[in-house]
Amino acid sequence: MEVKANNEEITISGHIRTIEDYQKIKQVVNSVVETGHKSVTIMIPESLAMTSSVIGFFLKLVFENKVDLKMYVKDERLYNLLEVLNLVTVFKVSRM
C-alpha cells in the first residue's frame, strides 16, 4: 500500500490491511491537516476494505478535528461496507 498527498488530495493505492497501513495513512493525513488544510479528499482506487483503525481515525478527523472529509472509492465492496456502517454521509463517500 502507498499513500501520496497532493495538497489536500490524498491517494491511497493498494489494499488497506495492516497496522502499518494505518500508520502510513495517519502520518500523511496528519501532515496535510497540520499545514492548515481543513478540507481533505481521500481517493481509494483499489482497496476493497478498510481496517477499523483507519475508520476510527477518519471519524476522529471529522468529529474532533472538524476536517471536511470527502472520500472517493472505486470498489463496490468498500462502498457497501461504508454504507452498512452508515458512514457514506459522514465521510461524504462517492464512487469513482
N, C-alpha and C. Protein backbone atom coordinates (compact mmCIF):
# COMPACT_ATOMS: atom_id res chain seq x y z
N MET A 1 0.83 -1.17 0.00
CA MET A 1 0.00 0.00 0.00
C MET A 1 0.88 1.24 0.00
N GLU A 2 0.43 2.26 -0.72
CA GLU A 2 1.18 3.51 -0.83
C GLU A 2 0.22 4.68 -0.64
N VAL A 3 0.70 5.71 0.06
CA VAL A 3 -0.10 6.91 0.32
C VAL A 3 0.65 8.11 -0.21
N LYS A 4 -0.03 8.89 -1.08
CA LYS A 4 0.58 10.09 -1.65
C LYS A 4 -0.34 11.28 -1.44
N ALA A 5 0.25 12.42 -1.12
CA ALA A 5 -0.53 13.64 -0.92
C ALA A 5 -0.17 14.67 -1.97
N ASN A 6 -1.19 15.34 -2.50
CA ASN A 6 -1.03 16.45 -3.42
C ASN A 6 -1.95 17.56 -2.90
N ASN A 7 -1.38 18.48 -2.14
CA ASN A 7 -2.16 19.49 -1.41
C ASN A 7 -3.12 18.77 -0.47
N GLU A 8 -4.44 19.02 -0.62
CA GLU A 8 -5.39 18.35 0.28
C GLU A 8 -5.96 17.06 -0.31
N GLU A 9 -5.47 16.63 -1.46
CA GLU A 9 -5.93 15.36 -2.05
C GLU A 9 -4.93 14.26 -1.74
N ILE A 10 -5.43 13.19 -1.13
CA ILE A 10 -4.58 12.07 -0.73
C ILE A 10 -5.06 10.82 -1.45
N THR A 11 -4.13 10.13 -2.12
CA THR A 11 -4.46 8.89 -2.83
C THR A 11 -3.85 7.72 -2.08
N ILE A 12 -4.70 6.74 -1.78
CA ILE A 12 -4.25 5.52 -1.11
C ILE A 12 -4.31 4.41 -2.13
N SER A 13 -3.13 3.99 -2.62
CA SER A 13 -3.03 2.94 -3.64
C SER A 13 -2.79 1.60 -2.95
N GLY A 14 -3.36 0.54 -3.52
CA GLY A 14 -3.19 -0.79 -2.95
C GLY A 14 -4.30 -1.07 -1.95
N HIS A 15 -4.12 -2.13 -1.18
CA HIS A 15 -5.15 -2.58 -0.23
C HIS A 15 -4.80 -2.18 1.19
N ILE A 16 -5.79 -1.66 1.91
CA ILE A 16 -5.62 -1.24 3.29
C ILE A 16 -5.85 -2.47 4.16
N ARG A 17 -4.76 -2.99 4.78
CA ARG A 17 -4.88 -4.24 5.53
C ARG A 17 -4.26 -4.22 6.92
N THR A 18 -3.10 -3.59 7.06
CA THR A 18 -2.30 -3.80 8.27
C THR A 18 -2.23 -2.55 9.14
N ILE A 19 -1.69 -2.74 10.33
CA ILE A 19 -1.48 -1.59 11.23
C ILE A 19 -0.45 -0.64 10.64
N GLU A 20 0.49 -1.16 9.86
CA GLU A 20 1.47 -0.30 9.18
C GLU A 20 0.77 0.59 8.16
N ASP A 21 -0.23 0.03 7.47
CA ASP A 21 -1.02 0.82 6.52
C ASP A 21 -1.73 1.96 7.25
N TYR A 22 -2.32 1.65 8.38
CA TYR A 22 -2.99 2.67 9.20
C TYR A 22 -2.01 3.76 9.60
N GLN A 23 -0.82 3.36 10.03
CA GLN A 23 0.17 4.34 10.46
C GLN A 23 0.62 5.25 9.32
N LYS A 24 0.78 4.68 8.11
CA LYS A 24 1.14 5.50 6.94
C LYS A 24 0.04 6.50 6.62
N ILE A 25 -1.20 6.02 6.61
CA ILE A 25 -2.34 6.89 6.30
C ILE A 25 -2.43 8.02 7.33
N LYS A 26 -2.33 7.66 8.60
CA LYS A 26 -2.41 8.65 9.67
C LYS A 26 -1.30 9.70 9.54
N GLN A 27 -0.09 9.25 9.25
CA GLN A 27 1.04 10.17 9.13
C GLN A 27 0.83 11.17 7.99
N VAL A 28 0.43 10.66 6.82
CA VAL A 28 0.25 11.54 5.66
C VAL A 28 -0.93 12.49 5.86
N VAL A 29 -2.05 11.97 6.35
CA VAL A 29 -3.23 12.82 6.55
C VAL A 29 -2.93 13.89 7.61
N ASN A 30 -2.30 13.50 8.70
CA ASN A 30 -1.97 14.49 9.74
C ASN A 30 -1.02 15.56 9.21
N SER A 31 -0.07 15.18 8.36
CA SER A 31 0.85 16.18 7.80
C SER A 31 0.10 17.18 6.93
N VAL A 32 -0.92 16.73 6.21
CA VAL A 32 -1.73 17.63 5.39
C VAL A 32 -2.57 18.56 6.28
N VAL A 33 -3.20 17.99 7.30
CA VAL A 33 -4.05 18.79 8.20
C VAL A 33 -3.20 19.81 8.97
N GLU A 34 -2.00 19.41 9.39
CA GLU A 34 -1.14 20.30 10.16
C GLU A 34 -0.64 21.50 9.35
N THR A 35 -0.69 21.40 8.02
CA THR A 35 -0.30 22.55 7.19
C THR A 35 -1.43 23.56 7.05
N GLY A 36 -2.57 23.27 7.69
CA GLY A 36 -3.67 24.24 7.69
C GLY A 36 -4.87 23.87 6.85
N HIS A 37 -4.82 22.75 6.16
CA HIS A 37 -5.98 22.34 5.35
C HIS A 37 -7.09 21.82 6.26
N LYS A 38 -8.29 22.38 6.10
CA LYS A 38 -9.44 21.92 6.86
C LYS A 38 -10.39 21.10 5.99
N SER A 39 -9.96 20.85 4.76
CA SER A 39 -10.72 20.02 3.84
C SER A 39 -9.75 19.01 3.24
N VAL A 40 -10.12 17.72 3.30
CA VAL A 40 -9.25 16.67 2.78
C VAL A 40 -10.07 15.75 1.90
N THR A 41 -9.51 15.42 0.73
CA THR A 41 -10.15 14.48 -0.19
C THR A 41 -9.31 13.21 -0.22
N ILE A 42 -9.95 12.08 0.05
CA ILE A 42 -9.28 10.79 0.07
C ILE A 42 -9.71 10.00 -1.15
N MET A 43 -8.76 9.61 -1.98
CA MET A 43 -9.03 8.80 -3.17
C MET A 43 -8.58 7.36 -2.88
N ILE A 44 -9.50 6.40 -3.03
CA ILE A 44 -9.17 4.99 -2.78
C ILE A 44 -9.56 4.19 -4.03
N PRO A 45 -8.64 4.09 -5.00
CA PRO A 45 -8.97 3.45 -6.27
C PRO A 45 -8.92 1.92 -6.28
N GLU A 46 -8.29 1.31 -5.28
CA GLU A 46 -8.08 -0.15 -5.36
C GLU A 46 -8.61 -0.94 -4.19
N SER A 47 -8.51 -0.45 -2.98
CA SER A 47 -8.81 -1.25 -1.80
C SER A 47 -10.27 -1.67 -1.77
N LEU A 48 -10.50 -2.92 -1.33
CA LEU A 48 -11.87 -3.42 -1.24
C LEU A 48 -12.34 -3.46 0.20
N ALA A 49 -11.49 -3.04 1.15
CA ALA A 49 -11.86 -3.00 2.56
C ALA A 49 -11.08 -1.87 3.24
N MET A 50 -11.41 -1.67 4.52
CA MET A 50 -10.72 -0.65 5.30
C MET A 50 -10.71 -1.14 6.74
N THR A 51 -9.56 -1.06 7.40
CA THR A 51 -9.48 -1.54 8.78
C THR A 51 -10.23 -0.63 9.73
N SER A 52 -10.61 -1.19 10.87
CA SER A 52 -11.35 -0.41 11.87
C SER A 52 -10.51 0.75 12.40
N SER A 53 -9.19 0.57 12.47
CA SER A 53 -8.34 1.65 12.95
C SER A 53 -8.36 2.84 12.00
N VAL A 54 -8.40 2.57 10.69
CA VAL A 54 -8.47 3.65 9.70
C VAL A 54 -9.84 4.34 9.78
N ILE A 55 -10.89 3.55 9.92
CA ILE A 55 -12.23 4.13 10.06
C ILE A 55 -12.29 5.01 11.30
N GLY A 56 -11.76 4.52 12.41
CA GLY A 56 -11.73 5.31 13.64
C GLY A 56 -10.95 6.59 13.49
N PHE A 57 -9.82 6.52 12.80
CA PHE A 57 -9.01 7.72 12.55
C PHE A 57 -9.79 8.75 11.73
N PHE A 58 -10.48 8.30 10.67
CA PHE A 58 -11.27 9.22 9.85
C PHE A 58 -12.43 9.82 10.66
N LEU A 59 -13.05 9.02 11.53
CA LEU A 59 -14.12 9.55 12.39
C LEU A 59 -13.58 10.64 13.31
N LYS A 60 -12.40 10.43 13.87
CA LYS A 60 -11.77 11.44 14.74
C LYS A 60 -11.50 12.72 13.96
N LEU A 61 -11.03 12.57 12.71
CA LEU A 61 -10.78 13.75 11.87
C LEU A 61 -12.04 14.58 11.70
N VAL A 62 -13.14 13.88 11.41
CA VAL A 62 -14.40 14.58 11.12
C VAL A 62 -14.99 15.21 12.39
N PHE A 63 -15.09 14.43 13.46
CA PHE A 63 -15.82 14.90 14.64
C PHE A 63 -14.97 15.67 15.65
N GLU A 64 -13.71 15.32 15.82
CA GLU A 64 -12.88 16.04 16.79
C GLU A 64 -12.09 17.17 16.15
N ASN A 65 -11.51 16.91 14.99
CA ASN A 65 -10.67 17.91 14.33
C ASN A 65 -11.46 18.81 13.39
N LYS A 66 -12.75 18.49 13.17
CA LYS A 66 -13.63 19.29 12.32
C LYS A 66 -13.08 19.45 10.89
N VAL A 67 -12.51 18.35 10.36
CA VAL A 67 -11.99 18.35 8.99
C VAL A 67 -13.13 17.95 8.06
N ASP A 68 -13.28 18.70 6.98
CA ASP A 68 -14.28 18.38 5.95
C ASP A 68 -13.70 17.27 5.08
N LEU A 69 -14.15 16.05 5.30
CA LEU A 69 -13.60 14.88 4.62
C LEU A 69 -14.49 14.48 3.46
N LYS A 70 -13.88 14.27 2.30
CA LYS A 70 -14.58 13.73 1.13
C LYS A 70 -13.81 12.50 0.70
N MET A 71 -14.53 11.42 0.39
CA MET A 71 -13.88 10.18 0.05
C MET A 71 -14.44 9.64 -1.26
N TYR A 72 -13.54 9.21 -2.14
CA TYR A 72 -13.93 8.60 -3.41
C TYR A 72 -13.39 7.18 -3.42
N VAL A 73 -14.30 6.20 -3.61
CA VAL A 73 -13.89 4.80 -3.64
C VAL A 73 -14.32 4.18 -4.97
N LYS A 74 -13.51 3.26 -5.45
CA LYS A 74 -13.82 2.61 -6.72
C LYS A 74 -14.50 1.26 -6.52
N ASP A 75 -14.02 0.48 -5.54
CA ASP A 75 -14.54 -0.87 -5.35
C ASP A 75 -15.91 -0.85 -4.68
N GLU A 76 -16.85 -1.56 -5.28
CA GLU A 76 -18.23 -1.60 -4.78
C GLU A 76 -18.30 -2.20 -3.37
N ARG A 77 -17.42 -3.16 -3.07
CA ARG A 77 -17.43 -3.79 -1.75
C ARG A 77 -17.06 -2.80 -0.66
N LEU A 78 -16.10 -1.93 -0.91
CA LEU A 78 -15.74 -0.92 0.08
C LEU A 78 -16.88 0.09 0.24
N TYR A 79 -17.47 0.50 -0.86
CA TYR A 79 -18.61 1.42 -0.77
C TYR A 79 -19.73 0.79 0.05
N ASN A 80 -20.03 -0.49 -0.21
CA ASN A 80 -21.09 -1.18 0.53
C ASN A 80 -20.76 -1.30 2.02
N LEU A 81 -19.49 -1.56 2.34
CA LEU A 81 -19.07 -1.62 3.75
C LEU A 81 -19.35 -0.29 4.43
N LEU A 82 -18.95 0.80 3.80
CA LEU A 82 -19.18 2.12 4.39
C LEU A 82 -20.66 2.44 4.50
N GLU A 83 -21.43 1.94 3.54
CA GLU A 83 -22.88 2.14 3.57
C GLU A 83 -23.52 1.38 4.73
N VAL A 84 -23.12 0.12 4.92
CA VAL A 84 -23.64 -0.70 6.02
C VAL A 84 -23.31 -0.06 7.37
N LEU A 85 -22.14 0.54 7.48
CA LEU A 85 -21.71 1.19 8.72
C LEU A 85 -22.28 2.61 8.87
N ASN A 86 -23.13 3.02 7.94
CA ASN A 86 -23.73 4.36 7.95
C ASN A 86 -22.69 5.47 7.93
N LEU A 87 -21.63 5.27 7.15
CA LEU A 87 -20.56 6.25 7.06
C LEU A 87 -20.51 6.99 5.73
N VAL A 88 -21.40 6.66 4.80
CA VAL A 88 -21.39 7.30 3.48
C VAL A 88 -21.62 8.81 3.62
N THR A 89 -22.55 9.21 4.46
CA THR A 89 -22.80 10.65 4.61
C THR A 89 -21.75 11.30 5.50
N VAL A 90 -21.28 10.58 6.53
CA VAL A 90 -20.26 11.14 7.44
C VAL A 90 -18.97 11.45 6.68
N PHE A 91 -18.53 10.50 5.83
CA PHE A 91 -17.29 10.66 5.08
C PHE A 91 -17.52 11.26 3.70
N LYS A 92 -18.77 11.60 3.37
CA LYS A 92 -19.13 12.15 2.05
C LYS A 92 -18.54 11.27 0.94
N VAL A 93 -18.92 9.99 0.98
CA VAL A 93 -18.36 9.00 0.06
C VAL A 93 -19.07 9.06 -1.28
N SER A 94 -18.28 9.04 -2.35
CA SER A 94 -18.79 8.96 -3.72
C SER A 94 -18.04 7.84 -4.43
N ARG A 95 -18.67 7.34 -5.48
CA ARG A 95 -17.99 6.33 -6.30
C ARG A 95 -17.11 7.03 -7.33
N MET A 96 -15.99 6.39 -7.64
CA MET A 96 -15.07 6.94 -8.65
C MET A 96 -15.60 6.62 -10.03
